[in-house]
Amino acid sequence: MDSNCVQWPGAIRHQRPLPRWHWRRHHQQVVSEWDVIERDFTRTADVVVSPSAVLLELMAMRWKLDRAGLLHVPNPYVAPAHLLAGAA
């Protein structure tokens, strides 16, 4: 099998693998369409709230948002000590 092709159920049924570039182009188109929708919706908001300061910074840079309307509210969940014991 060619490494530039993927086996997809429909492609297997028809015995023709689809090239990887086909899926990348489709994915880029879908993501860019959603990006425009989300950006426009976000720009109309008075305040944008996120549990992640990094996500707020990314949105501010990528979509050129006014930082005065961005609010970082940390996640209120505090994990019990026994769950964090294995992570250390």
PDB file of N, CA and C in Angstrom:
ATOM      1  N   MET A   1       0.851  -1.190   0.000  1.00  0.00           N
ATOM      2  CA  MET A   1       0.000   0.000   0.000  1.00  0.00           C
ATOM      3  C   MET A   1       0.883   1.235   0.000  1.00  0.00           C
ATOM      4  N   ASP A   2       0.528   2.191  -0.790  1.00  0.00           N
ATOM      5  CA  ASP A   2       1.259   3.451  -0.881  1.00  0.00           C
ATOM      6  C   ASP A   2       1.095   4.237   0.419  1.00  0.00           C
ATOM      7  N   SER A   3       2.187   4.796   0.961  1.00  0.00           N
ATOM      8  CA  SER A   3       2.121   5.512   2.232  1.00  0.00           C
ATOM      9  C   SER A   3       1.390   6.837   2.105  1.00  0.00           C
ATOM     10  N   ASN A   4       1.149   7.317   0.895  1.00  0.00           N
ATOM     11  CA  ASN A   4       0.422   8.563   0.703  1.00  0.00           C
ATOM     12  C   ASN A   4      -1.084   8.347   0.586  1.00  0.00           C
ATOM     13  N   CYS A   5      -1.544   7.127   0.804  1.00  0.00           N
ATOM     14  CA  CYS A   5      -2.962   6.824   0.697  1.00  0.00           C
ATOM     15  C   CYS A   5      -3.472   6.241   2.003  1.00  0.00           C
ATOM     16  N   VAL A   6      -4.749   6.421   2.272  1.00  0.00           N
ATOM     17  CA  VAL A   6      -5.381   5.860   3.461  1.00  0.00           C
ATOM     18  C   VAL A   6      -6.475   4.901   3.028  1.00  0.00           C
ATOM     19  N   GLN A   7      -6.700   3.890   3.841  1.00  0.00           N
ATOM     20  CA  GLN A   7      -7.792   2.967   3.574  1.00  0.00           C
ATOM     21  C   GLN A   7      -9.023   3.470   4.312  1.00  0.00           C
ATOM     22  N   TRP A   8     -10.047   3.804   3.607  1.00  0.00           N
ATOM     23  CA  TRP A   8     -11.300   4.279   4.181  1.00  0.00           C
ATOM     24  C   TRP A   8     -12.358   3.245   3.833  1.00  0.00           C
ATOM     25  N   PRO A   9     -13.353   3.012   4.696  1.00  0.00           N
ATOM     26  CA  PRO A   9     -14.333   1.949   4.407  1.00  0.00           C
ATOM     27  C   PRO A   9     -14.902   2.009   2.992  1.00  0.00           C
ATOM     28  N   GLY A  10     -15.273   3.186   2.526  1.00  0.00           N
ATOM     29  CA  GLY A  10     -15.801   3.297   1.162  1.00  0.00           C
ATOM     30  C   GLY A  10     -14.745   2.999   0.123  1.00  0.00           C
ATOM     31  N   ALA A  11     -13.511   3.419   0.416  1.00  0.00           N
ATOM     32  CA  ALA A  11     -12.416   3.182  -0.517  1.00  0.00           C
ATOM     33  C   ALA A  11     -12.098   1.695  -0.588  1.00  0.00           C
ATOM     34  N   ILE A  12     -12.199   1.017   0.545  1.00  0.00           N
ATOM     35  CA  ILE A  12     -11.941  -0.429   0.556  1.00  0.00           C
ATOM     36  C   ILE A  12     -13.009  -1.139  -0.270  1.00  0.00           C
ATOM     37  N   ARG A  13     -14.255  -0.722  -0.106  1.00  0.00           N
ATOM     38  CA  ARG A  13     -15.349  -1.357  -0.838  1.00  0.00           C
ATOM     39  C   ARG A  13     -15.158  -1.194  -2.342  1.00  0.00           C
ATOM     40  N   HIS A  14     -14.656  -0.037  -2.758  1.00  0.00           N
ATOM     41  CA  HIS A  14     -14.459   0.216  -4.177  1.00  0.00           C
ATOM     42  C   HIS A  14     -13.037  -0.082  -4.634  1.00  0.00           C
ATOM     43  N   GLN A  15     -12.239  -0.612  -3.730  1.00  0.00           N
ATOM     44  CA  GLN A  15     -10.867  -1.023  -4.045  1.00  0.00           C
ATOM     45  C   GLN A  15      -9.997   0.122  -4.561  1.00  0.00           C
ATOM     46  N   ARG A  16     -10.178   1.307  -4.009  1.00  0.00           N
ATOM     47  CA  ARG A  16      -9.296   2.406  -4.382  1.00  0.00           C
ATOM     48  C   ARG A  16      -9.018   3.264  -3.146  1.00  0.00           C
ATOM     49  N   PRO A  17      -7.789   3.266  -2.719  1.00  0.00           N
ATOM     50  CA  PRO A  17      -7.442   4.090  -1.558  1.00  0.00           C
ATOM     51  C   PRO A  17      -7.485   5.576  -1.912  1.00  0.00           C
ATOM     52  N   LEU A  18      -7.892   6.388  -0.938  1.00  0.00           N
ATOM     53  CA  LEU A  18      -7.967   7.826  -1.154  1.00  0.00           C
ATOM     54  C   LEU A  18      -6.649   8.480  -0.726  1.00  0.00           C
ATOM     55  N   PRO A  19      -6.162   9.435  -1.483  1.00  0.00           N
ATOM     56  CA  PRO A  19      -4.901  10.088  -1.132  1.00  0.00           C
ATOM     57  C   PRO A  19      -5.038  10.931   0.140  1.00  0.00           C
ATOM     58  N   ARG A  20      -3.952  11.011   0.925  1.00  0.00           N
ATOM     59  CA  ARG A  20      -3.975  11.770   2.178  1.00  0.00           C
ATOM     60  C   ARG A  20      -4.274  13.249   1.944  1.00  0.00           C
ATOM     61  N   TRP A  21      -3.786  13.838   0.854  1.00  0.00           N
ATOM     62  CA  TRP A  21      -4.024  15.258   0.614  1.00  0.00           C
ATOM     63  C   TRP A  21      -5.507  15.567   0.519  1.00  0.00           C
ATOM     64  N   HIS A  22      -6.309  14.599   0.103  1.00  0.00           N
ATOM     65  CA  HIS A  22      -7.752  14.801  -0.008  1.00  0.00           C
ATOM     66  C   HIS A  22      -8.340  15.149   1.353  1.00  0.00           C
ATOM     67  N   TRP A  23      -7.948  14.423   2.381  1.00  0.00           N
ATOM     68  CA  TRP A  23      -8.497  14.653   3.716  1.00  0.00           C
ATOM     69  C   TRP A  23      -7.917  15.914   4.338  1.00  0.00           C
ATOM     70  N   ARG A  24      -6.645  16.224   4.091  1.00  0.00           N
ATOM     71  CA  ARG A  24      -6.055  17.438   4.646  1.00  0.00           C
ATOM     72  C   ARG A  24      -6.742  18.686   4.098  1.00  0.00           C
ATOM     73  N   ARG A  25      -6.996  18.714   2.812  1.00  0.00           N
ATOM     74  CA  ARG A  25      -7.634  19.874   2.199  1.00  0.00           C
ATOM     75  C   ARG A  25      -9.047  20.056   2.749  1.00  0.00           C
ATOM     76  N   HIS A  26      -9.784  18.959   2.866  1.00  0.00           N
ATOM     77  CA  HIS A  26     -11.139  19.024   3.409  1.00  0.00           C
ATOM     78  C   HIS A  26     -11.100  19.523   4.850  1.00  0.00           C
ATOM     79  N   HIS A  27     -10.181  19.004   5.652  1.00  0.00           N
ATOM     80  CA  HIS A  27     -10.077  19.399   7.057  1.00  0.00           C
ATOM     81  C   HIS A  27      -9.744  20.885   7.166  1.00  0.00           C
ATOM     82  N   GLN A  28      -8.824  21.367   6.356  1.00  0.00           N
ATOM     83  CA  GLN A  28      -8.458  22.779   6.393  1.00  0.00           C
ATOM     84  C   GLN A  28      -9.645  23.661   6.028  1.00  0.00           C
ATOM     85  N   GLN A  29     -10.430  23.245   5.068  1.00  0.00           N
ATOM     86  CA  GLN A  29     -11.583  24.032   4.655  1.00  0.00           C
ATOM     87  C   GLN A  29     -12.614  24.098   5.779  1.00  0.00           C
ATOM     88  N   VAL A  30     -12.897  22.970   6.405  1.00  0.00           N
ATOM     89  CA  VAL A  30     -13.877  22.938   7.493  1.00  0.00           C
ATOM     90  C   VAL A  30     -13.403  23.778   8.670  1.00  0.00           C
ATOM     91  N   VAL A  31     -12.129  23.645   9.035  1.00  0.00           N
ATOM     92  CA  VAL A  31     -11.584  24.405  10.154  1.00  0.00           C
ATOM     93  C   VAL A  31     -11.622  25.900   9.867  1.00  0.00           C
ATOM     94  N   SER A  32     -11.260  26.301   8.668  1.00  0.00           N
ATOM     95  CA  SER A  32     -11.265  27.731   8.352  1.00  0.00           C
ATOM     96  C   SER A  32     -12.686  28.297   8.348  1.00  0.00           C
ATOM     97  N   GLU A  33     -13.668  27.514   7.917  1.00  0.00           N
ATOM     98  CA  GLU A  33     -15.057  27.970   7.945  1.00  0.00           C
ATOM     99  C   GLU A  33     -15.523  28.169   9.391  1.00  0.00           C
ATOM    100  N   TRP A  34     -15.208  27.209  10.257  1.00  0.00           N
ATOM    101  CA  TRP A  34     -15.597  27.323  11.663  1.00  0.00           C
ATOM    102  C   TRP A  34     -14.840  28.453  12.349  1.00  0.00           C
ATOM    103  N   ASP A  35     -13.601  28.672  11.958  1.00  0.00           N
ATOM    104  CA  ASP A  35     -12.799  29.734  12.550  1.00  0.00           C
ATOM    105  C   ASP A  35     -13.446  31.090  12.300  1.00  0.00           C
ATOM    106  N   VAL A  36     -13.941  31.324  11.105  1.00  0.00           N
ATOM    107  CA  VAL A  36     -14.603  32.585  10.774  1.00  0.00           C
ATOM    108  C   VAL A  36     -15.878  32.743  11.598  1.00  0.00           C
ATOM    109  N   ILE A  37     -16.649  31.688  11.713  1.00  0.00           N
ATOM    110  CA  ILE A  37     -17.895  31.734  12.487  1.00  0.00           C
ATOM    111  C   ILE A  37     -17.601  32.042  13.952  1.00  0.00           C
ATOM    112  N   GLU A  38     -16.648  31.317  14.542  1.00  0.00           N
ATOM    113  CA  GLU A  38     -16.314  31.513  15.962  1.00  0.00           C
ATOM    114  C   GLU A  38     -15.733  32.903  16.199  1.00  0.00           C
ATOM    115  N   ARG A  39     -14.867  33.364  15.309  1.00  0.00           N
ATOM    116  CA  ARG A  39     -14.264  34.695  15.466  1.00  0.00           C
ATOM    117  C   ARG A  39     -15.328  35.782  15.433  1.00  0.00           C
ATOM    118  N   ASP A  40     -16.222  35.721  14.455  1.00  0.00           N
ATOM    119  CA  ASP A  40     -17.270  36.736  14.347  1.00  0.00           C
ATOM    120  C   ASP A  40     -18.195  36.723  15.560  1.00  0.00           C
ATOM    121  N   PHE A  41     -18.535  35.529  16.020  1.00  0.00           N
ATOM    122  CA  PHE A  41     -19.393  35.394  17.203  1.00  0.00           C
ATOM    123  C   PHE A  41     -18.688  35.948  18.441  1.00  0.00           C
ATOM    124  N   THR A  42     -17.399  35.658  18.580  1.00  0.00           N
ATOM    125  CA  THR A  42     -16.627  36.115  19.729  1.00  0.00           C
ATOM    126  C   THR A  42     -16.467  37.627  19.723  1.00  0.00           C
ATOM    127  N   ARG A  43     -16.272  38.202  18.565  1.00  0.00           N
ATOM    128  CA  ARG A  43     -16.113  39.663  18.475  1.00  0.00           C
ATOM    129  C   ARG A  43     -17.374  40.412  18.879  1.00  0.00           C
ATOM    130  N   THR A  44     -18.542  39.794  18.775  1.00  0.00           N
ATOM    131  CA  THR A  44     -19.787  40.458  19.171  1.00  0.00           C
ATOM    132  C   THR A  44     -20.024  40.386  20.675  1.00  0.00           C
ATOM    133  N   ALA A  45     -19.268  39.547  21.378  1.00  0.00           N
ATOM    134  CA  ALA A  45     -19.462  39.377  22.821  1.00  0.00           C
ATOM    135  C   ALA A  45     -18.878  40.554  23.596  1.00  0.00           C
ATOM    136  N   ASP A  46     -19.534  40.903  24.702  1.00  0.00           N
ATOM    137  CA  ASP A  46     -19.017  41.949  25.583  1.00  0.00           C
ATOM    138  C   ASP A  46     -17.831  41.432  26.392  1.00  0.00           C
ATOM    139  N   VAL A  47     -17.933  40.177  26.837  1.00  0.00           N
ATOM    140  CA  VAL A  47     -16.879  39.551  27.644  1.00  0.00           C
ATOM    141  C   VAL A  47     -16.684  38.133  27.145  1.00  0.00           C
ATOM    142  N   VAL A  48     -15.420  37.713  27.064  1.00  0.00           N
ATOM    143  CA  VAL A  48     -15.077  36.339  26.698  1.00  0.00           C
ATOM    144  C   VAL A  48     -14.399  35.714  27.921  1.00  0.00           C
ATOM    145  N   VAL A  49     -14.950  34.599  28.410  1.00  0.00           N
ATOM    146  CA  VAL A  49     -14.445  33.944  29.606  1.00  0.00           C
ATOM    147  C   VAL A  49     -13.845  32.602  29.224  1.00  0.00           C
ATOM    148  N   SER A  50     -12.702  32.283  29.811  1.00  0.00           N
ATOM    149  CA  SER A  50     -12.044  31.006  29.546  1.00  0.00           C
ATOM    150  C   SER A  50     -11.355  30.515  30.813  1.00  0.00           C
ATOM    151  N   PRO A  51     -11.327  29.195  31.032  1.00  0.00           N
ATOM    152  CA  PRO A  51     -10.591  28.655  32.176  1.00  0.00           C
ATOM    153  C   PRO A  51      -9.086  28.602  31.923  1.00  0.00           C
ATOM    154  N   SER A  52      -8.668  28.962  30.715  1.00  0.00           N
ATOM    155  CA  SER A  52      -7.250  28.895  30.359  1.00  0.00           C
ATOM    156  C   SER A  52      -6.756  30.257  29.886  1.00  0.00           C
ATOM    157  N   ALA A  53      -5.744  30.779  30.561  1.00  0.00           N
ATOM    158  CA  ALA A  53      -5.138  32.051  30.158  1.00  0.00           C
ATOM    159  C   ALA A  53      -4.443  31.913  28.805  1.00  0.00           C
ATOM    160  N   VAL A  54      -3.903  30.737  28.536  1.00  0.00           N
ATOM    161  CA  VAL A  54      -3.216  30.502  27.261  1.00  0.00           C
ATOM    162  C   VAL A  54      -4.216  30.556  26.099  1.00  0.00           C
ATOM    163  N   LEU A  55      -5.398  29.973  26.272  1.00  0.00           N
ATOM    164  CA  LEU A  55      -6.420  30.040  25.224  1.00  0.00           C
ATOM    165  C   LEU A  55      -6.857  31.479  24.976  1.00  0.00           C
ATOM    166  N   LEU A  56      -6.999  32.259  26.032  1.00  0.00           N
ATOM    167  CA  LEU A  56      -7.355  33.667  25.866  1.00  0.00           C
ATOM    168  C   LEU A  56      -6.283  34.413  25.084  1.00  0.00           C
ATOM    169  N   GLU A  57      -5.026  34.154  25.421  1.00  0.00           N
ATOM    170  CA  GLU A  57      -3.926  34.823  24.714  1.00  0.00           C
ATOM    171  C   GLU A  57      -3.897  34.412  23.246  1.00  0.00           C
ATOM    172  N   LEU A  58      -4.124  33.137  22.984  1.00  0.00           N
ATOM    173  CA  LEU A  58      -4.145  32.641  21.606  1.00  0.00           C
ATOM    174  C   LEU A  58      -5.268  33.302  20.809  1.00  0.00           C
ATOM    175  N   MET A  59      -6.462  33.383  21.408  1.00  0.00           N
ATOM    176  CA  MET A  59      -7.581  34.040  20.725  1.00  0.00           C
ATOM    177  C   MET A  59      -7.296  35.517  20.500  1.00  0.00           C
ATOM    178  N   ALA A  60      -6.719  36.180  21.487  1.00  0.00           N
ATOM    179  CA  ALA A  60      -6.426  37.603  21.362  1.00  0.00           C
ATOM    180  C   ALA A  60      -5.444  37.864  20.218  1.00  0.00           C
ATOM    181  N   MET A  61      -4.425  37.034  20.114  1.00  0.00           N
ATOM    182  CA  MET A  61      -3.433  37.215  19.051  1.00  0.00           C
ATOM    183  C   MET A  61      -3.995  36.837  17.686  1.00  0.00           C
ATOM    184  N   ARG A  62      -4.643  35.673  17.612  1.00  0.00           N
ATOM    185  CA  ARG A  62      -5.096  35.164  16.318  1.00  0.00           C
ATOM    186  C   ARG A  62      -6.261  35.962  15.742  1.00  0.00           C
ATOM    187  N   TRP A  63      -7.193  36.350  16.612  1.00  0.00           N
ATOM    188  CA  TRP A  63      -8.392  37.036  16.147  1.00  0.00           C
ATOM    189  C   TRP A  63      -8.343  38.532  16.410  1.00  0.00           C
ATOM    190  N   LYS A  64      -7.225  39.025  16.942  1.00  0.00           N
ATOM    191  CA  LYS A  64      -7.045  40.458  17.224  1.00  0.00           C
ATOM    192  C   LYS A  64      -8.189  41.016  18.074  1.00  0.00           C
ATOM    193  N   LEU A  65      -8.393  40.370  19.237  1.00  0.00           N
ATOM    194  CA  LEU A  65      -9.444  40.784  20.158  1.00  0.00           C
ATOM    195  C   LEU A  65      -8.919  41.813  21.144  1.00  0.00           C
ATOM    196  N   ASP A  66      -9.822  42.640  21.660  1.00  0.00           N
ATOM    197  CA  ASP A  66      -9.485  43.609  22.690  1.00  0.00           C
ATOM    198  C   ASP A  66      -9.294  42.856  24.005  1.00  0.00           C
ATOM    199  N   ARG A  67      -8.111  42.967  24.599  1.00  0.00           N
ATOM    200  CA  ARG A  67      -7.802  42.228  25.815  1.00  0.00           C
ATOM    201  C   ARG A  67      -8.626  42.689  27.027  1.00  0.00           C
ATOM    202  N   ALA A  68      -9.205  43.881  26.950  1.00  0.00           N
ATOM    203  CA  ALA A  68     -10.024  44.371  28.065  1.00  0.00           C
ATOM    204  C   ALA A  68     -11.282  43.514  28.242  1.00  0.00           C
ATOM    205  N   GLY A  69     -11.754  42.890  27.179  1.00  0.00           N
ATOM    206  CA  GLY A  69     -12.959  42.075  27.249  1.00  0.00           C
ATOM    207  C   GLY A  69     -12.693  40.602  27.509  1.00  0.00           C
ATOM    208  N   LEU A  70     -11.439  40.243  27.796  1.00  0.00           N
ATOM    209  CA  LEU A  70     -11.094  38.843  28.046  1.00  0.00           C
ATOM    210  C   LEU A  70     -10.953  38.610  29.542  1.00  0.00           C
ATOM    211  N   LEU A  71     -11.588  37.567  30.046  1.00  0.00           N
ATOM    212  CA  LEU A  71     -11.588  37.280  31.478  1.00  0.00           C
ATOM    213  C   LEU A  71     -11.169  35.841  31.733  1.00  0.00           C
ATOM    214  N   HIS A  72     -10.117  35.668  32.511  1.00  0.00           N
ATOM    215  CA  HIS A  72      -9.630  34.336  32.873  1.00  0.00           C
ATOM    216  C   HIS A  72     -10.264  33.932  34.205  1.00  0.00           C
ATOM    217  N   VAL A  73     -11.056  32.873  34.179  1.00  0.00           N
ATOM    218  CA  VAL A  73     -11.688  32.326  35.385  1.00  0.00           C
ATOM    219  C   VAL A  73     -11.182  30.898  35.534  1.00  0.00           C
ATOM    220  N   PRO A  74     -10.284  30.656  36.502  1.00  0.00           N
ATOM    221  CA  PRO A  74      -9.717  29.310  36.666  1.00  0.00           C
ATOM    222  C   PRO A  74     -10.792  28.271  36.974  1.00  0.00           C
ATOM    223  N   ASN A  75     -10.490  27.056  36.619  1.00  0.00           N
ATOM    224  CA  ASN A  75     -11.383  25.938  36.875  1.00  0.00           C
ATOM    225  C   ASN A  75     -11.517  25.753  38.386  1.00  0.00           C
ATOM    226  N   PRO A  76     -12.754  25.699  38.914  1.00  0.00           N
ATOM    227  CA  PRO A  76     -12.924  25.580  40.368  1.00  0.00           C
ATOM    228  C   PRO A  76     -12.658  24.181  40.918  1.00  0.00           C
ATOM    229  N   TYR A  77     -12.439  23.213  40.060  1.00  0.00           N
ATOM    230  CA  TYR A  77     -12.218  21.838  40.525  1.00  0.00           C
ATOM    231  C   TYR A  77     -10.837  21.701  41.153  1.00  0.00           C
ATOM    232  N   VAL A  78     -10.801  21.131  42.341  1.00  0.00           N
ATOM    233  CA  VAL A  78      -9.544  20.827  43.018  1.00  0.00           C
ATOM    234  C   VAL A  78      -9.514  19.320  43.207  1.00  0.00           C
ATOM    235  N   ALA A  79      -8.538  18.681  42.597  1.00  0.00           N
ATOM    236  CA  ALA A  79      -8.432  17.223  42.669  1.00  0.00           C
ATOM    237  C   ALA A  79      -8.052  16.777  44.070  1.00  0.00           C
ATOM    238  N   PRO A  80      -8.623  15.656  44.536  1.00  0.00           N
ATOM    239  CA  PRO A  80      -8.237  15.110  45.841  1.00  0.00           C
ATOM    240  C   PRO A  80      -6.765  14.694  45.827  1.00  0.00           C
ATOM    241  N   ALA A  81      -6.137  14.745  46.988  1.00  0.00           N
ATOM    242  CA  ALA A  81      -4.709  14.444  47.125  1.00  0.00           C
ATOM    243  C   ALA A  81      -4.365  13.036  46.633  1.00  0.00           C
ATOM    244  N   HIS A  82      -5.253  12.060  46.884  1.00  0.00           N
ATOM    245  CA  HIS A  82      -4.939  10.680  46.480  1.00  0.00           C
ATOM    246  C   HIS A  82      -4.879  10.531  44.947  1.00  0.00           C
ATOM    247  N   LEU A  83      -5.586  11.397  44.209  1.00  0.00           N
ATOM    248  CA  LEU A  83      -5.507  11.347  42.757  1.00  0.00           C
ATOM    249  C   LEU A  83      -4.214  11.982  42.252  1.00  0.00           C
ATOM    250  N   LEU A  84      -3.690  12.948  42.982  1.00  0.00           N
ATOM    251  CA  LEU A  84      -2.474  13.628  42.570  1.00  0.00           C
ATOM    252  C   LEU A  84      -1.219  12.927  43.060  1.00  0.00           C
ATOM    253  N   ALA A  85      -1.343  11.996  43.988  1.00  0.00           N
ATOM    254  CA  ALA A  85      -0.186  11.321  44.580  1.00  0.00           C
ATOM    255  C   ALA A  85       0.609  10.560  43.515  1.00  0.00           C
ATOM    256  N   GLY A  86      -0.048   9.932  42.567  1.00  0.00           N
ATOM    257  CA  GLY A  86       0.641   9.154  41.544  1.00  0.00           C
ATOM    258  C   GLY A  86       1.287  10.027  40.483  1.00  0.00           C
ATOM    259  N   ALA A  87       0.853  11.271  40.361  1.00  0.00           N
ATOM    260  CA  ALA A  87       1.365  12.162  39.322  1.00  0.00           C
ATOM    261  C   ALA A  87       2.716  12.766  39.693  1.00  0.00           C
ATOM    262  N   ALA A  88       3.039  12.794  40.960  1.00  0.00           N
ATOM    263  CA  ALA A  88       4.282  13.450  41.392  1.00  0.00           C
ATOM    264  C   ALA A  88       5.511  12.625  41.175  1.00  0.00           C
TER     265      ALA A  88
END
